[in-house]
C-alpha atoms as a PDB file:
ATOM      1  CA  MET A   1      43.745 -90.075  34.551  1.00  0.00           C
ATOM      2  CA  ILE A   2      44.014 -88.195  31.531  1.00  0.00           C
ATOM      3  CA  LEU A   3      40.979 -88.006  28.976  1.00  0.00           C
ATOM      4  CA  ILE A   4      41.561 -86.762  25.277  1.00  0.00           C
ATOM      5  CA  ASN A   5      38.718 -85.890  23.100  1.00  0.00           C
ATOM      6  CA  LEU A   6      39.303 -87.357  19.736  1.00  0.00           C
ATOM      7  CA  LEU A   7      36.646 -86.001  18.358  1.00  0.00           C
ATOM      8  CA  PRO A   8      36.585 -82.810  15.767  1.00  0.00           C
ATOM      9  CA  HIS A   9      36.009 -79.684  18.138  1.00  0.00           C
ATOM     10  CA  ARG A  10      36.656 -77.160  15.935  1.00  0.00           C
ATOM     11  CA  GLU A  11      34.297 -78.897  13.174  1.00  0.00           C
ATOM     12  CA  ALA A  12      31.960 -78.789  15.943  1.00  0.00           C
ATOM     13  CA  LYS A  13      32.926 -75.111  16.832  1.00  0.00           C
ATOM     14  CA  ARG A  14      32.289 -74.538  13.385  1.00  0.00           C
ATOM     15  CA  GLN A  15      29.000 -75.581  13.110  1.00  0.00           C
ATOM     16  CA  GLU A  16      28.173 -74.175  16.419  1.00  0.00           C
ATOM     17  CA  ARG A  17      28.946 -70.619  15.091  1.00  0.00           C
ATOM     18  CA  LYS A  18      27.150 -71.326  11.836  1.00  0.00           C
ATOM     19  CA  ARG A  19      24.201 -71.906  13.840  1.00  0.00           C
ATOM     20  CA  ALA A  20      24.440 -69.083  15.425  1.00  0.00           C
ATOM     21  CA  PHE A  21      25.083 -66.981  12.643  1.00  0.00           C
ATOM     22  CA  ILE A  22      22.174 -68.956  10.740  1.00  0.00           C
ATOM     23  CA  SER A  23      20.190 -67.797  14.543  1.00  0.00           C
ATOM     24  CA  GLY A  24      20.693 -64.425  13.925  1.00  0.00           C
ATOM     25  CA  LEU A  25      19.970 -63.277  10.016  1.00  0.00           C
ATOM     26  CA  GLY A  26      16.896 -65.632  11.139  1.00  0.00           C
ATOM     27  CA  LEU A  27      15.988 -63.231  13.918  1.00  0.00           C
ATOM     28  CA  ALA A  28      17.307 -59.633  11.968  1.00  0.00           C
ATOM     29  CA  ALA A  29      14.890 -61.240   9.177  1.00  0.00           C
ATOM     30  CA  VAL A  30      11.737 -61.104  11.749  1.00  0.00           C
ATOM     31  CA  LEU A  31      12.690 -57.519  12.802  1.00  0.00           C
ATOM     32  CA  GLY A  32      12.960 -56.404   9.917  1.00  0.00           C
ATOM     33  CA  VAL A  33       9.851 -57.797   8.659  1.00  0.00           C
ATOM     34  CA  GLY A  34       8.394 -56.634  11.971  1.00  0.00           C
ATOM     35  CA  VAL A  35       9.753 -52.963  10.826  1.00  0.00           C
ATOM     36  CA  LEU A  36       8.621 -53.354   7.193  1.00  0.00           C
ATOM     37  CA  ALA A  37       5.056 -54.205   8.529  1.00  0.00           C
ATOM     38  CA  VAL A  38       4.866 -51.548  11.470  1.00  0.00           C
ATOM     39  CA  TRP A  39       6.032 -48.897   9.163  1.00  0.00           C
ATOM     40  CA  TYR A  40       3.256 -49.797   6.097  1.00  0.00           C
ATOM     41  CA  GLY A  41       0.858 -49.662   8.550  1.00  0.00           C
ATOM     42  CA  ALA A  42       2.100 -46.071   9.717  1.00  0.00           C
ATOM     43  CA  LEU A  43       2.300 -45.226   5.815  1.00  0.00           C
ATOM     44  CA  GLN A  44      -1.401 -47.059   5.659  1.00  0.00           C
ATOM     45  CA  GLN A  45      -2.896 -44.830   8.115  1.00  0.00           C
ATOM     46  CA  MET A  46      -1.141 -41.605   7.267  1.00  0.00           C
ATOM     47  CA  ILE A  47      -2.247 -42.701   3.332  1.00  0.00           C
ATOM     48  CA  SER A  48      -5.867 -43.014   4.899  1.00  0.00           C
ATOM     49  CA  VAL A  49      -5.857 -39.668   7.191  1.00  0.00           C
ATOM     50  CA  GLN A  50      -4.698 -37.940   3.731  1.00  0.00           C
ATOM     51  CA  GLN A  51      -7.475 -39.058   1.402  1.00  0.00           C
ATOM     52  CA  ALA A  52     -10.112 -38.350   4.434  1.00  0.00           C
ATOM     53  CA  ARG A  53      -8.565 -34.782   4.310  1.00  0.00           C
ATOM     54  CA  ASN A  54      -8.946 -34.756   0.466  1.00  0.00           C
ATOM     55  CA  GLN A  55     -12.617 -35.503   1.111  1.00  0.00           C
ATOM     56  CA  TYR A  56     -12.935 -33.360   2.943  1.00  0.00           C
ATOM     57  CA  LEU A  57     -11.459 -30.416   1.079  1.00  0.00           C
ATOM     58  CA  SER A  58     -13.156 -31.845  -2.416  1.00  0.00           C
ATOM     59  CA  SER A  59     -16.837 -31.542   0.052  1.00  0.00           C
ATOM     60  CA  GLU A  60     -15.562 -27.751   1.342  1.00  0.00           C
ATOM     61  CA  ILE A  61     -14.803 -26.479  -2.332  1.00  0.00           C
ATOM     62  CA  LYS A  62     -17.789 -28.119  -3.821  1.00  0.00           C
ATOM     63  CA  LYS A  63     -19.760 -26.204  -1.453  1.00  0.00           C
ATOM     64  CA  LEU A  64     -17.908 -23.178  -2.202  1.00  0.00           C
ATOM     65  CA  ASP A  65     -18.248 -23.556  -5.614  1.00  0.00           C
ATOM     66  CA  GLU A  66     -22.384 -23.447  -5.282  1.00  0.00           C
ATOM     67  CA  GLN A  67     -21.874 -20.557  -3.274  1.00  0.00           C
ATOM     68  CA  ILE A  68     -19.735 -18.725  -5.813  1.00  0.00           C
ATOM     69  CA  LYS A  69     -22.043 -19.575  -8.311  1.00  0.00           C
ATOM     70  CA  ASP A  70     -25.152 -17.986  -6.214  1.00  0.00           C
ATOM     71  CA  ILE A  71     -22.983 -14.574  -5.405  1.00  0.00           C
ATOM     72  CA  ALA A  72     -22.712 -14.661  -9.330  1.00  0.00           C
ATOM     73  CA  THR A  73     -26.303 -15.244  -9.830  1.00  0.00           C
ATOM     74  CA  LEU A  74     -27.379 -12.575  -7.163  1.00  0.00           C
ATOM     75  CA  GLN A  75     -24.437 -10.026  -8.899  1.00  0.00           C
ATOM     76  CA  ALA A  76     -26.033 -10.714 -12.558  1.00  0.00           C
ATOM     77  CA  GLU A  77     -29.420  -9.704 -10.682  1.00  0.00           C
ATOM     78  CA  ILE A  78     -27.908  -6.545  -9.595  1.00  0.00           C
ATOM     79  CA  ASP A  79     -26.302  -5.808 -12.587  1.00  0.00           C
ATOM     80  CA  ALA A  80     -29.696  -6.084 -14.299  1.00  0.00           C
ATOM     81  CA  LEU A  81     -31.925  -3.958 -11.587  1.00  0.00           C
ATOM     82  CA  LYS A  82     -29.494  -1.833 -11.912  1.00  0.00           C
ATOM     83  CA  ALA A  83     -29.861  -1.721 -15.710  1.00  0.00           C
ATOM     84  CA  ARG A  84     -33.233  -1.252 -15.245  1.00  0.00           C
ATOM     85  CA  GLN A  85     -33.080   1.942 -13.187  1.00  0.00           C
ATOM     86  CA  GLN A  86     -30.397   3.571 -15.270  1.00  0.00           C
ATOM     87  CA  ALA A  87     -33.504   2.889 -17.703  1.00  0.00           C
ATOM     88  CA  VAL A  88     -36.113   4.259 -16.183  1.00  0.00           C
ATOM     89  CA  GLU A  89     -33.985   7.343 -15.303  1.00  0.00           C
ATOM     90  CA  ASP A  90     -32.315   7.497 -18.739  1.00  0.00           C
ATOM     91  CA  LEU A  91     -35.518   7.521 -20.161  1.00  0.00           C
ATOM     92  CA  GLN A  92     -37.180  10.064 -17.398  1.00  0.00           C
ATOM     93  CA  THR A  93     -34.296  12.782 -18.297  1.00  0.00           C
ATOM     94  CA  ASP A  94     -35.276  11.826 -22.225  1.00  0.00           C
ATOM     95  CA  ARG A  95     -38.600  13.401 -21.282  1.00  0.00           C
ATOM     96  CA  ASN A  96     -37.280  16.879 -19.881  1.00  0.00           C
ATOM     97  CA  VAL A  97     -34.396  17.303 -22.349  1.00  0.00           C
ATOM     98  CA  PRO A  98     -36.718  18.961 -24.772  1.00  0.00           C
ATOM     99  CA  VAL A  99     -37.805  21.377 -22.057  1.00  0.00           C
ATOM    100  CA  TYR A 100     -34.464  21.691 -20.640  1.00  0.00           C
ATOM    101  CA  LEU A 101     -32.847  22.263 -24.352  1.00  0.00           C
ATOM    102  CA  LEU A 102     -35.248  25.098 -25.371  1.00  0.00           C
ATOM    103  CA  ASP A 103     -34.546  26.564 -21.789  1.00  0.00           C
ATOM    104  CA  GLU A 104     -30.705  26.243 -22.857  1.00  0.00           C
ATOM    105  CA  LEU A 105     -31.105  27.892 -25.978  1.00  0.00           C
ATOM    106  CA  VAL A 106     -33.111  30.797 -24.965  1.00  0.00           C
ATOM    107  CA  LYS A 107     -29.726  31.730 -22.349  1.00  0.00           C
ATOM    108  CA  GLN A 108     -27.207  30.993 -24.729  1.00  0.00           C
ATOM    109  CA  THR A 109     -28.477  32.696 -28.049  1.00  0.00           C
ATOM    110  CA  PRO A 110     -27.134  36.206 -27.878  1.00  0.00           C
ATOM    111  CA  GLU A 111     -29.115  39.592 -29.219  1.00  0.00           C
ATOM    112  CA  GLY A 112     -28.872  39.915 -32.750  1.00  0.00           C
ATOM    113  CA  VAL A 113     -29.430  36.099 -33.467  1.00  0.00           C
ATOM    114  CA  TYR A 114     -33.117  34.499 -34.175  1.00  0.00           C
ATOM    115  CA  LEU A 115     -33.399  30.133 -34.529  1.00  0.00           C
ATOM    116  CA  THR A 116     -35.570  29.515 -37.608  1.00  0.00           C
ATOM    117  CA  SER A 117     -35.150  25.499 -37.053  1.00  0.00           C
ATOM    118  CA  ILE A 118     -34.154  23.026 -34.178  1.00  0.00           C
ATOM    119  CA  LYS A 119     -33.713  19.412 -35.609  1.00  0.00           C
ATOM    120  CA  GLN A 120     -32.939  16.619 -32.739  1.00  0.00           C
ATOM    121  CA  ASN A 121     -31.963  12.833 -33.606  1.00  0.00           C
ATOM    122  CA  ALA A 122     -30.633  11.336 -30.064  1.00  0.00           C
ATOM    123  CA  ASN A 123     -28.040  13.706 -28.703  1.00  0.00           C
ATOM    124  CA  LEU A 124     -26.984  15.593 -31.729  1.00  0.00           C
ATOM    125  CA  VAL A 125     -29.223  18.320 -32.255  1.00  0.00           C
ATOM    126  CA  THR A 126     -28.983  20.392 -35.546  1.00  0.00           C
ATOM    127  CA  ILE A 127     -29.771  24.304 -35.502  1.00  0.00           C
ATOM    128  CA  GLY A 128     -30.769  26.832 -38.336  1.00  0.00           C
ATOM    129  CA  GLY A 129     -30.721  30.471 -37.780  1.00  0.00           C
ATOM    130  CA  LEU A 130     -30.024  33.946 -38.954  1.00  0.00           C
ATOM    131  CA  SER A 131     -27.579  36.656 -37.544  1.00  0.00           C
ATOM    132  CA  GLN A 132     -26.956  40.008 -38.485  1.00  0.00           C
ATOM    133  CA  THR A 133     -23.247  39.201 -38.028  1.00  0.00           C
ATOM    134  CA  ASN A 134     -20.777  37.041 -37.650  1.00  0.00           C
ATOM    135  CA  GLU A 135     -19.943  37.702 -34.616  1.00  0.00           C
ATOM    136  CA  ARG A 136     -23.400  37.160 -33.591  1.00  0.00           C
ATOM    137  CA  VAL A 137     -23.189  33.023 -34.408  1.00  0.00           C
ATOM    138  CA  SER A 138     -19.321  32.885 -32.894  1.00  0.00           C
ATOM    139  CA  GLU A 139     -20.870  34.551 -29.790  1.00  0.00           C
ATOM    140  CA  LEU A 140     -23.427  31.627 -29.847  1.00  0.00           C
ATOM    141  CA  LEU A 141     -20.528  29.165 -30.626  1.00  0.00           C
ATOM    142  CA  ARG A 142     -18.883  30.510 -27.230  1.00  0.00           C
ATOM    143  CA  ASN A 143     -21.545  30.240 -24.714  1.00  0.00           C
ATOM    144  CA  THR A 144     -22.875  26.586 -25.917  1.00  0.00           C
ATOM    145  CA  ALA A 145     -19.401  25.487 -25.798  1.00  0.00           C
ATOM    146  CA  TYR A 146     -17.910  27.148 -22.332  1.00  0.00           C
ATOM    147  CA  ASN A 147     -21.715  28.370 -20.547  1.00  0.00           C
ATOM    148  CA  SER A 148     -24.119  25.893 -21.213  1.00  0.00           C
ATOM    149  CA  THR A 149     -24.709  22.916 -18.452  1.00  0.00           C
ATOM    150  CA  TRP A 150     -26.634  20.603 -21.386  1.00  0.00           C
ATOM    151  CA  LEU A 151     -24.986  21.651 -24.898  1.00  0.00           C
ATOM    152  CA  GLU A 152     -21.172  20.697 -26.032  1.00  0.00           C
ATOM    153  CA  LYS A 153     -19.153  20.280 -28.688  1.00  0.00           C
ATOM    154  CA  PRO A 154     -20.772  22.752 -30.507  1.00  0.00           C
ATOM    155  CA  GLU A 155     -19.860  22.750 -34.619  1.00  0.00           C
ATOM    156  CA  LEU A 156     -20.784  25.222 -37.263  1.00  0.00           C
ATOM    157  CA  VAL A 157     -21.816  23.208 -40.406  1.00  0.00           C
ATOM    158  CA  GLU A 158     -22.474  26.506 -42.893  1.00  0.00           C
ATOM    159  CA  ILE A 159     -22.649  29.804 -42.864  1.00  0.00           C
ATOM    160  CA  LYS A 160     -23.862  32.348 -45.760  1.00  0.00           C
ATOM    161  CA  ALA A 161     -25.314  35.528 -46.339  1.00  0.00           C
ATOM    162  CA  ALA A 162     -28.679  36.057 -47.281  1.00  0.00           C
ATOM    163  CA  SER A 163     -31.306  38.909 -47.454  1.00  0.00           C
ATOM    164  CA  VAL A 164     -34.825  38.826 -45.793  1.00  0.00           C
ATOM    165  CA  GLN A 165     -37.887  41.005 -46.408  1.00  0.00           C
ATOM    166  CA  ILE A 166     -38.223  43.007 -43.310  1.00  0.00           C
ATOM    167  CA  GLY A 167     -41.342  45.513 -44.016  1.00  0.00           C
ATOM    168  CA  ARG A 168     -40.239  47.983 -47.195  1.00  0.00           C
ATOM    169  CA  ASP A 169     -36.535  47.274 -46.349  1.00  0.00           C
ATOM    170  CA  GLN A 170     -34.527  44.396 -47.856  1.00  0.00           C
ATOM    171  CA  ARG A 171     -31.734  43.649 -44.962  1.00  0.00           C
ATOM    172  CA  LYS A 172     -28.733  41.482 -45.059  1.00  0.00           C
ATOM    173  CA  VAL A 173     -28.493  39.099 -42.474  1.00  0.00           C
ATOM    174  CA  PHE A 174     -26.255  35.738 -42.662  1.00  0.00           C
ATOM    175  CA  ASP A 175     -27.766  32.414 -42.880  1.00  0.00           C
ATOM    176  CA  PHE A 176     -26.250  29.912 -40.780  1.00  0.00           C
ATOM    177  CA  THR A 177     -26.768  26.019 -39.599  1.00  0.00           C
ATOM    178  CA  MET A 178     -24.968  24.915 -36.274  1.00  0.00           C
ATOM    179  CA  ARG A 179     -24.811  21.470 -34.558  1.00  0.00           C
ATOM    180  CA  VAL A 180     -24.451  21.135 -31.153  1.00  0.00           C
ATOM    181  CA  SER A 181     -24.563  17.922 -28.411  1.00  0.00           C
ATOM    182  CA  ILE A 182     -26.513  17.442 -25.619  1.00  0.00           C
ATOM    183  CA  LYS A 183     -25.191  15.777 -22.331  1.00  0.00           C
ATOM    184  CA  ARG A 184     -26.591  14.509 -19.306  1.00  0.00           C
ATOM    185  CA  PRO A 185     -25.831  16.912 -16.279  1.00  0.00           C
ATOM    186  CA  GLN A 186     -26.824  15.387 -12.813  1.00  0.00           C
ATOM    187  CA  ALA A 187     -27.074  18.246 -11.403  1.00  0.00           C
ATOM    188  CA  PRO A 188     -29.995  19.883 -13.460  1.00  0.00           C
ATOM    189  CA  ALA A 189     -32.097  16.522 -13.011  1.00  0.00           C
ATOM    190  CA  LYS A 190     -31.354  16.196  -9.006  1.00  0.00           C
ATOM    191  CA  SER A 191     -32.303  19.708  -8.636  1.00  0.00           C
ATOM    192  CA  ALA A 192     -35.290  19.435 -11.006  1.00  0.00           C
ATOM    193  CA  SER A 193     -36.626  16.666  -9.606  1.00  0.00           C
ATOM    194  CA  GLY A 194     -35.945  18.005  -6.023  1.00  0.00           C
ATOM    195  CA  VAL A 195     -38.144  21.325  -7.153  1.00  0.00           C
ATOM    196  CA  LYS A 196     -40.758  18.285  -8.362  1.00  0.00           C
ATOM    197  CA  ALA A 197     -40.727  16.811  -4.725  1.00  0.00           C
ATOM    198  CA  SER A 198     -40.749  19.749  -2.673  1.00  0.00           C
ATOM    199  CA  ALA A 199     -43.801  21.551  -4.733  1.00  0.00           C
ATOM    200  CA  PRO A 200     -46.682  18.797  -2.998  1.00  0.00           C
ATOM    201  CA  SER A 201     -45.108  20.276   0.281  1.00  0.00           C
ATOM    202  CA  THR A 202     -45.023  23.361  -0.598  1.00  0.00           C
ATOM    203  CA  ALA A 203     -48.963  23.342  -1.780  1.00  0.00           C
ATOM    204  CA  SER A 204     -50.053  21.432   1.420  1.00  0.00           C
END
């Protein structure tokens, strides 16, 4: 006996394929949502880890800022102490400057030159004197310029002929005024302090 299917099999197959397609779409959507969920979770984890790192870095930066402030404060204190030490050394040197100045003038003044006045204003010294010749004044300028430890930058302000009474004689001399600067050499100050320091031990 031959059976004949009179049902619309083509329509049934079409419906079956449609259901399979919809099922595939649903499965793909579910898989896509799952993948997105996993990716979103991983991304949130990475963000939280990075935020934790940022917070750690921020806290360390704050600590470093505090340390830098402390270092800056210490540096300022060190600079202040150095300035005080330099001021004390300058005062000690200035106290001995007149002695060094007079000693240096005695060394550098040639024969035939007589100093009549010495005025000091800070590091500038104005010297007045009498000289037998112009050459002696030039020699004094050269000595203070090239041979002096404490004096520098000599400058002749004025020189003029004058007469002085020596006994019954009237002699012609040259009245001059010059300026010279005082410098601060380290060697004489150290040697002077060394002499002062060694003096008590010698006495003992």
